[in-house]
Amino acid sequence: MTEEFEKEYAIRAGGESVNAALKTAHGLGKVWTRRLQRVTFAVTMKALASNVKRFLRYQCVQMAGKEQKVEPVPA
């Protein structure tokens, strides 16, 4: 494998991990609604929830560097 391929694959692997997390942790594999507007809203809210959780986890880790009392938010 070349170094260029590894860089490209790392980007793809990061995107696939996001999709896997949405599918498993947020139930995106089975959306229990029909019609485009409702499905779009459900997917948007699930993506928003995933981003908020990642942000809070990041903030907790940053604060843990300053204060040892803060624990990261579980996945």
PDB file of N, CA and C in Angstrom:
ATOM      1  N   MET A   1       0.834  -1.188   0.000  1.00  0.00           N
ATOM      2  CA  MET A   1       0.000   0.000   0.000  1.00  0.00           C
ATOM      3  C   MET A   1       0.876   1.249   0.000  1.00  0.00           C
ATOM      4  N   THR A   2       0.430   2.216  -0.738  1.00  0.00           N
ATOM      5  CA  THR A   2       1.177   3.461  -0.786  1.00  0.00           C
ATOM      6  C   THR A   2       0.696   4.392   0.319  1.00  0.00           C
ATOM      7  N   GLU A   3       1.486   5.385   0.591  1.00  0.00           N
ATOM      8  CA  GLU A   3       1.143   6.349   1.633  1.00  0.00           C
ATOM      9  C   GLU A   3      -0.094   7.163   1.238  1.00  0.00           C
ATOM     10  N   GLU A   4      -0.206   7.472  -0.051  1.00  0.00           N
ATOM     11  CA  GLU A   4      -1.363   8.224  -0.544  1.00  0.00           C
ATOM     12  C   GLU A   4      -2.654   7.428  -0.360  1.00  0.00           C
ATOM     13  N   PHE A   5      -2.608   6.137  -0.651  1.00  0.00           N
ATOM     14  CA  PHE A   5      -3.778   5.276  -0.472  1.00  0.00           C
ATOM     15  C   PHE A   5      -4.191   5.217   0.992  1.00  0.00           C
ATOM     16  N   GLU A   6      -3.221   5.123   1.874  1.00  0.00           N
ATOM     17  CA  GLU A   6      -3.528   5.047   3.300  1.00  0.00           C
ATOM     18  C   GLU A   6      -4.211   6.315   3.793  1.00  0.00           C
ATOM     19  N   LYS A   7      -3.784   7.478   3.289  1.00  0.00           N
ATOM     20  CA  LYS A   7      -4.431   8.741   3.664  1.00  0.00           C
ATOM     21  C   LYS A   7      -5.871   8.785   3.170  1.00  0.00           C
ATOM     22  N   GLU A   8      -6.091   8.380   1.927  1.00  0.00           N
ATOM     23  CA  GLU A   8      -7.441   8.356   1.365  1.00  0.00           C
ATOM     24  C   GLU A   8      -8.329   7.377   2.121  1.00  0.00           C
ATOM     25  N   TYR A   9      -7.779   6.219   2.450  1.00  0.00           N
ATOM     26  CA  TYR A   9      -8.552   5.196   3.150  1.00  0.00           C
ATOM     27  C   TYR A   9      -8.887   5.642   4.573  1.00  0.00           C
ATOM     28  N   ALA A  10      -7.997   6.386   5.211  1.00  0.00           N
ATOM     29  CA  ALA A  10      -8.253   6.878   6.563  1.00  0.00           C
ATOM     30  C   ALA A  10      -9.456   7.817   6.576  1.00  0.00           C
ATOM     31  N   ILE A  11      -9.575   8.644   5.559  1.00  0.00           N
ATOM     32  CA  ILE A  11     -10.720   9.551   5.455  1.00  0.00           C
ATOM     33  C   ILE A  11     -12.004   8.743   5.300  1.00  0.00           C
ATOM     34  N   ARG A  12     -11.962   7.739   4.436  1.00  0.00           N
ATOM     35  CA  ARG A  12     -13.149   6.908   4.227  1.00  0.00           C
ATOM     36  C   ARG A  12     -13.509   6.140   5.491  1.00  0.00           C
ATOM     37  N   ALA A  13     -12.513   5.630   6.188  1.00  0.00           N
ATOM     38  CA  ALA A  13     -12.768   4.880   7.416  1.00  0.00           C
ATOM     39  C   ALA A  13     -13.442   5.764   8.462  1.00  0.00           C
ATOM     40  N   GLY A  14     -13.047   7.028   8.529  1.00  0.00           N
ATOM     41  CA  GLY A  14     -13.687   7.963   9.455  1.00  0.00           C
ATOM     42  C   GLY A  14     -15.148   8.175   9.116  1.00  0.00           C
ATOM     43  N   GLY A  15     -15.447   8.311   7.844  1.00  0.00           N
ATOM     44  CA  GLY A  15     -16.843   8.480   7.413  1.00  0.00           C
ATOM     45  C   GLY A  15     -17.671   7.238   7.676  1.00  0.00           C
ATOM     46  N   GLU A  16     -17.089   6.087   7.451  1.00  0.00           N
ATOM     47  CA  GLU A  16     -17.809   4.834   7.697  1.00  0.00           C
ATOM     48  C   GLU A  16     -18.088   4.649   9.182  1.00  0.00           C
ATOM     49  N   SER A  17     -17.187   5.101  10.049  1.00  0.00           N
ATOM     50  CA  SER A  17     -17.428   4.964  11.483  1.00  0.00           C
ATOM     51  C   SER A  17     -18.596   5.840  11.928  1.00  0.00           C
ATOM     52  N   VAL A  18     -18.731   7.010  11.304  1.00  0.00           N
ATOM     53  CA  VAL A  18     -19.874   7.874  11.612  1.00  0.00           C
ATOM     54  C   VAL A  18     -21.171   7.179  11.203  1.00  0.00           C
ATOM     55  N   ASN A  19     -21.178   6.604  10.000  1.00  0.00           N
ATOM     56  CA  ASN A  19     -22.371   5.899   9.540  1.00  0.00           C
ATOM     57  C   ASN A  19     -22.707   4.721  10.436  1.00  0.00           C
ATOM     58  N   ALA A  20     -21.699   3.978  10.856  1.00  0.00           N
ATOM     59  CA  ALA A  20     -21.928   2.823  11.724  1.00  0.00           C
ATOM     60  C   ALA A  20     -22.491   3.260  13.069  1.00  0.00           C
ATOM     61  N   ALA A  21     -21.969   4.356  13.618  1.00  0.00           N
ATOM     62  CA  ALA A  21     -22.475   4.848  14.897  1.00  0.00           C
ATOM     63  C   ALA A  21     -23.929   5.301  14.775  1.00  0.00           C
ATOM     64  N   LEU A  22     -24.255   5.982  13.685  1.00  0.00           N
ATOM     65  CA  LEU A  22     -25.645   6.409  13.486  1.00  0.00           C
ATOM     66  C   LEU A  22     -26.567   5.206  13.349  1.00  0.00           C
ATOM     67  N   LYS A  23     -26.095   4.197  12.681  1.00  0.00           N
ATOM     68  CA  LYS A  23     -26.929   3.019  12.454  1.00  0.00           C
ATOM     69  C   LYS A  23     -27.148   2.219  13.729  1.00  0.00           C
ATOM     70  N   THR A  24     -26.101   2.048  14.529  1.00  0.00           N
ATOM     71  CA  THR A  24     -26.229   1.214  15.726  1.00  0.00           C
ATOM     72  C   THR A  24     -26.722   1.994  16.938  1.00  0.00           C
ATOM     73  N   ALA A  25     -26.075   3.096  17.252  1.00  0.00           N
ATOM     74  CA  ALA A  25     -26.394   3.821  18.483  1.00  0.00           C
ATOM     75  C   ALA A  25     -27.683   4.631  18.384  1.00  0.00           C
ATOM     76  N   HIS A  26     -28.039   5.058  17.179  1.00  0.00           N
ATOM     77  CA  HIS A  26     -29.197   5.931  17.029  1.00  0.00           C
ATOM     78  C   HIS A  26     -30.331   5.299  16.223  1.00  0.00           C
ATOM     79  N   GLY A  27     -30.179   4.054  15.850  1.00  0.00           N
ATOM     80  CA  GLY A  27     -31.263   3.355  15.184  1.00  0.00           C
ATOM     81  C   GLY A  27     -31.546   3.803  13.767  1.00  0.00           C
ATOM     82  N   LEU A  28     -30.560   4.313  13.069  1.00  0.00           N
ATOM     83  CA  LEU A  28     -30.787   4.800  11.721  1.00  0.00           C
ATOM     84  C   LEU A  28     -30.982   3.654  10.731  1.00  0.00           C
ATOM     85  N   GLY A  29     -30.639   2.442  11.144  1.00  0.00           N
ATOM     86  CA  GLY A  29     -30.821   1.291  10.269  1.00  0.00           C
ATOM     87  C   GLY A  29     -32.283   0.997   9.997  1.00  0.00           C
ATOM     88  N   LYS A  30     -33.156   1.398  10.915  1.00  0.00           N
ATOM     89  CA  LYS A  30     -34.589   1.168  10.756  1.00  0.00           C
ATOM     90  C   LYS A  30     -35.328   2.424  11.199  1.00  0.00           C
ATOM     91  N   VAL A  31     -35.726   3.249  10.254  1.00  0.00           N
ATOM     92  CA  VAL A  31     -36.484   4.453  10.556  1.00  0.00           C
ATOM     93  C   VAL A  31     -37.959   4.074  10.580  1.00  0.00           C
ATOM     94  N   TRP A  32     -38.619   4.333  11.682  1.00  0.00           N
ATOM     95  CA  TRP A  32     -39.994   3.875  11.883  1.00  0.00           C
ATOM     96  C   TRP A  32     -41.022   4.902  11.432  1.00  0.00           C
ATOM     97  N   THR A  33     -40.772   5.539  10.332  1.00  0.00           N
ATOM     98  CA  THR A  33     -41.734   6.490   9.806  1.00  0.00           C
ATOM     99  C   THR A  33     -41.712   6.431   8.283  1.00  0.00           C
ATOM    100  N   ARG A  34     -42.700   6.999   7.687  1.00  0.00           N
ATOM    101  CA  ARG A  34     -42.795   7.045   6.230  1.00  0.00           C
ATOM    102  C   ARG A  34     -42.998   8.489   5.791  1.00  0.00           C
ATOM    103  N   ARG A  35     -42.869   8.714   4.536  1.00  0.00           N
ATOM    104  CA  ARG A  35     -42.958  10.016   3.872  1.00  0.00           C
ATOM    105  C   ARG A  35     -41.651  10.776   4.006  1.00  0.00           C
ATOM    106  N   LEU A  36     -41.302  11.467   2.947  1.00  0.00           N
ATOM    107  CA  LEU A  36     -40.001  12.113   2.830  1.00  0.00           C
ATOM    108  C   LEU A  36     -39.749  13.136   3.933  1.00  0.00           C
ATOM    109  N   GLN A  37     -40.720  13.983   4.230  1.00  0.00           N
ATOM    110  CA  GLN A  37     -40.510  15.021   5.243  1.00  0.00           C
ATOM    111  C   GLN A  37     -40.249  14.412   6.615  1.00  0.00           C
ATOM    112  N   ARG A  38     -40.994  13.397   6.971  1.00  0.00           N
ATOM    113  CA  ARG A  38     -40.817  12.768   8.291  1.00  0.00           C
ATOM    114  C   ARG A  38     -39.493  12.027   8.381  1.00  0.00           C
ATOM    115  N   VAL A  39     -39.117  11.322   7.333  1.00  0.00           N
ATOM    116  CA  VAL A  39     -37.843  10.602   7.334  1.00  0.00           C
ATOM    117  C   VAL A  39     -36.691  11.599   7.385  1.00  0.00           C
ATOM    118  N   THR A  40     -36.780  12.674   6.620  1.00  0.00           N
ATOM    119  CA  THR A  40     -35.747  13.702   6.628  1.00  0.00           C
ATOM    120  C   THR A  40     -35.596  14.297   8.025  1.00  0.00           C
ATOM    121  N   PHE A  41     -36.716  14.582   8.678  1.00  0.00           N
ATOM    122  CA  PHE A  41     -36.665  15.132  10.031  1.00  0.00           C
ATOM    123  C   PHE A  41     -36.037  14.138  11.004  1.00  0.00           C
ATOM    124  N   ALA A  42     -36.428  12.874  10.917  1.00  0.00           N
ATOM    125  CA  ALA A  42     -35.885  11.849  11.818  1.00  0.00           C
ATOM    126  C   ALA A  42     -34.379  11.699  11.634  1.00  0.00           C
ATOM    127  N   VAL A  43     -33.933  11.654  10.395  1.00  0.00           N
ATOM    128  CA  VAL A  43     -32.495  11.492  10.120  1.00  0.00           C
ATOM    129  C   VAL A  43     -31.731  12.735  10.588  1.00  0.00           C
ATOM    130  N   THR A  44     -32.283  13.908  10.372  1.00  0.00           N
ATOM    131  CA  THR A  44     -31.633  15.143  10.810  1.00  0.00           C
ATOM    132  C   THR A  44     -31.482  15.177  12.323  1.00  0.00           C
ATOM    133  N   MET A  45     -32.527  14.792  13.047  1.00  0.00           N
ATOM    134  CA  MET A  45     -32.469  14.793  14.505  1.00  0.00           C
ATOM    135  C   MET A  45     -31.476  13.759  15.032  1.00  0.00           C
ATOM    136  N   LYS A  46     -31.403  12.606  14.383  1.00  0.00           N
ATOM    137  CA  LYS A  46     -30.452  11.578  14.804  1.00  0.00           C
ATOM    138  C   LYS A  46     -29.012  12.039  14.560  1.00  0.00           C
ATOM    139  N   ALA A  47     -28.772  12.697  13.436  1.00  0.00           N
ATOM    140  CA  ALA A  47     -27.437  13.224  13.146  1.00  0.00           C
ATOM    141  C   ALA A  47     -27.076  14.342  14.132  1.00  0.00           C
ATOM    142  N   LEU A  48     -28.043  15.177  14.449  1.00  0.00           N
ATOM    143  CA  LEU A  48     -27.823  16.243  15.421  1.00  0.00           C
ATOM    144  C   LEU A  48     -27.490  15.657  16.789  1.00  0.00           C
ATOM    145  N   ALA A  49     -28.220  14.636  17.201  1.00  0.00           N
ATOM    146  CA  ALA A  49     -27.947  13.987  18.493  1.00  0.00           C
ATOM    147  C   ALA A  49     -26.538  13.407  18.521  1.00  0.00           C
ATOM    148  N   SER A  50     -26.132  12.786  17.423  1.00  0.00           N
ATOM    149  CA  SER A  50     -24.788  12.220  17.348  1.00  0.00           C
ATOM    150  C   SER A  50     -23.727  13.312  17.458  1.00  0.00           C
ATOM    151  N   ASN A  51     -23.925  14.427  16.779  1.00  0.00           N
ATOM    152  CA  ASN A  51     -22.968  15.524  16.830  1.00  0.00           C
ATOM    153  C   ASN A  51     -22.905  16.160  18.214  1.00  0.00           C
ATOM    154  N   VAL A  52     -24.049  16.309  18.866  1.00  0.00           N
ATOM    155  CA  VAL A  52     -24.075  16.881  20.214  1.00  0.00           C
ATOM    156  C   VAL A  52     -23.325  15.969  21.179  1.00  0.00           C
ATOM    157  N   LYS A  53     -23.559  14.658  21.080  1.00  0.00           N
ATOM    158  CA  LYS A  53     -22.852  13.716  21.944  1.00  0.00           C
ATOM    159  C   LYS A  53     -21.347  13.770  21.721  1.00  0.00           C
ATOM    160  N   ARG A  54     -20.922  13.846  20.475  1.00  0.00           N
ATOM    161  CA  ARG A  54     -19.487  13.933  20.180  1.00  0.00           C
ATOM    162  C   ARG A  54     -18.897  15.226  20.729  1.00  0.00           C
ATOM    163  N   PHE A  55     -19.619  16.332  20.583  1.00  0.00           N
ATOM    164  CA  PHE A  55     -19.145  17.612  21.090  1.00  0.00           C
ATOM    165  C   PHE A  55     -19.017  17.587  22.607  1.00  0.00           C
ATOM    166  N   LEU A  56     -20.024  17.060  23.295  1.00  0.00           N
ATOM    167  CA  LEU A  56     -19.974  16.995  24.751  1.00  0.00           C
ATOM    168  C   LEU A  56     -18.851  16.087  25.231  1.00  0.00           C
ATOM    169  N   ARG A  57     -18.651  14.979  24.533  1.00  0.00           N
ATOM    170  CA  ARG A  57     -17.549  14.083  24.887  1.00  0.00           C
ATOM    171  C   ARG A  57     -16.213  14.805  24.722  1.00  0.00           C
ATOM    172  N   TYR A  58     -16.070  15.559  23.642  1.00  0.00           N
ATOM    173  CA  TYR A  58     -14.847  16.329  23.393  1.00  0.00           C
ATOM    174  C   TYR A  58     -14.637  17.365  24.495  1.00  0.00           C
ATOM    175  N   GLN A  59     -15.698  18.090  24.859  1.00  0.00           N
ATOM    176  CA  GLN A  59     -15.586  19.106  25.902  1.00  0.00           C
ATOM    177  C   GLN A  59     -15.197  18.495  27.240  1.00  0.00           C
ATOM    178  N   CYS A  60     -15.758  17.349  27.560  1.00  0.00           N
ATOM    179  CA  CYS A  60     -15.415  16.686  28.819  1.00  0.00           C
ATOM    180  C   CYS A  60     -13.953  16.270  28.843  1.00  0.00           C
ATOM    181  N   VAL A  61     -13.455  15.776  27.722  1.00  0.00           N
ATOM    182  CA  VAL A  61     -12.051  15.380  27.652  1.00  0.00           C
ATOM    183  C   VAL A  61     -11.158  16.608  27.791  1.00  0.00           C
ATOM    184  N   GLN A  62     -11.537  17.722  27.167  1.00  0.00           N
ATOM    185  CA  GLN A  62     -10.755  18.951  27.282  1.00  0.00           C
ATOM    186  C   GLN A  62     -10.724  19.451  28.722  1.00  0.00           C
ATOM    187  N   MET A  63     -11.870  19.393  29.393  1.00  0.00           N
ATOM    188  CA  MET A  63     -11.934  19.839  30.779  1.00  0.00           C
ATOM    189  C   MET A  63     -11.195  18.879  31.701  1.00  0.00           C
ATOM    190  N   ALA A  64     -11.155  17.620  31.355  1.00  0.00           N
ATOM    191  CA  ALA A  64     -10.457  16.644  32.183  1.00  0.00           C
ATOM    192  C   ALA A  64      -8.967  16.932  32.211  1.00  0.00           C
ATOM    193  N   GLY A  65      -8.461  17.539  31.168  1.00  0.00           N
ATOM    194  CA  GLY A  65      -7.059  17.924  31.155  1.00  0.00           C
ATOM    195  C   GLY A  65      -6.770  19.032  32.166  1.00  0.00           C
ATOM    196  N   LYS A  66      -7.785  19.868  32.443  1.00  0.00           N
ATOM    197  CA  LYS A  66      -7.625  20.968  33.374  1.00  0.00           C
ATOM    198  C   LYS A  66      -7.991  20.547  34.794  1.00  0.00           C
ATOM    199  N   GLU A  67      -9.061  19.754  34.900  1.00  0.00           N
ATOM    200  CA  GLU A  67      -9.521  19.266  36.201  1.00  0.00           C
ATOM    201  C   GLU A  67      -9.700  17.765  36.109  1.00  0.00           C
ATOM    202  N   GLN A  68      -9.177  17.043  37.030  1.00  0.00           N
ATOM    203  CA  GLN A  68      -9.242  15.588  36.979  1.00  0.00           C
ATOM    204  C   GLN A  68     -10.589  15.041  37.461  1.00  0.00           C
ATOM    205  N   LYS A  69     -11.508  15.880  37.931  1.00  0.00           N
ATOM    206  CA  LYS A  69     -12.786  15.435  38.486  1.00  0.00           C
ATOM    207  C   LYS A  69     -13.826  15.132  37.406  1.00  0.00           C
ATOM    208  N   VAL A  70     -13.676  15.630  36.198  1.00  0.00           N
ATOM    209  CA  VAL A  70     -14.667  15.485  35.128  1.00  0.00           C
ATOM    210  C   VAL A  70     -14.451  14.170  34.410  1.00  0.00           C
ATOM    211  N   GLU A  71     -15.543  13.394  34.198  1.00  0.00           N
ATOM    212  CA  GLU A  71     -15.467  12.141  33.475  1.00  0.00           C
ATOM    213  C   GLU A  71     -16.094  12.311  32.102  1.00  0.00           C
ATOM    214  N   PRO A  72     -15.551  11.645  31.065  1.00  0.00           N
ATOM    215  CA  PRO A  72     -16.139  11.733  29.730  1.00  0.00           C
ATOM    216  C   PRO A  72     -17.552  11.171  29.684  1.00  0.00           C
ATOM    217  N   VAL A  73     -18.360  11.712  28.796  1.00  0.00           N
ATOM    218  CA  VAL A  73     -19.719  11.230  28.597  1.00  0.00           C
ATOM    219  C   VAL A  73     -19.642   9.873  27.887  1.00  0.00           C
ATOM    220  N   PRO A  74     -20.348   8.845  28.384  1.00  0.00           N
ATOM    221  CA  PRO A  74     -20.288   7.539  27.707  1.00  0.00           C
ATOM    222  C   PRO A  74     -20.960   7.582  26.345  1.00  0.00           C
ATOM    223  N   ALA A  75     -20.540   6.707  25.456  1.00  0.00           N
ATOM    224  CA  ALA A  75     -21.112   6.635  24.110  1.00  0.00           C
ATOM    225  C   ALA A  75     -22.458   6.111  24.183  1.00  0.00           C
TER     226      ALA A  75
END
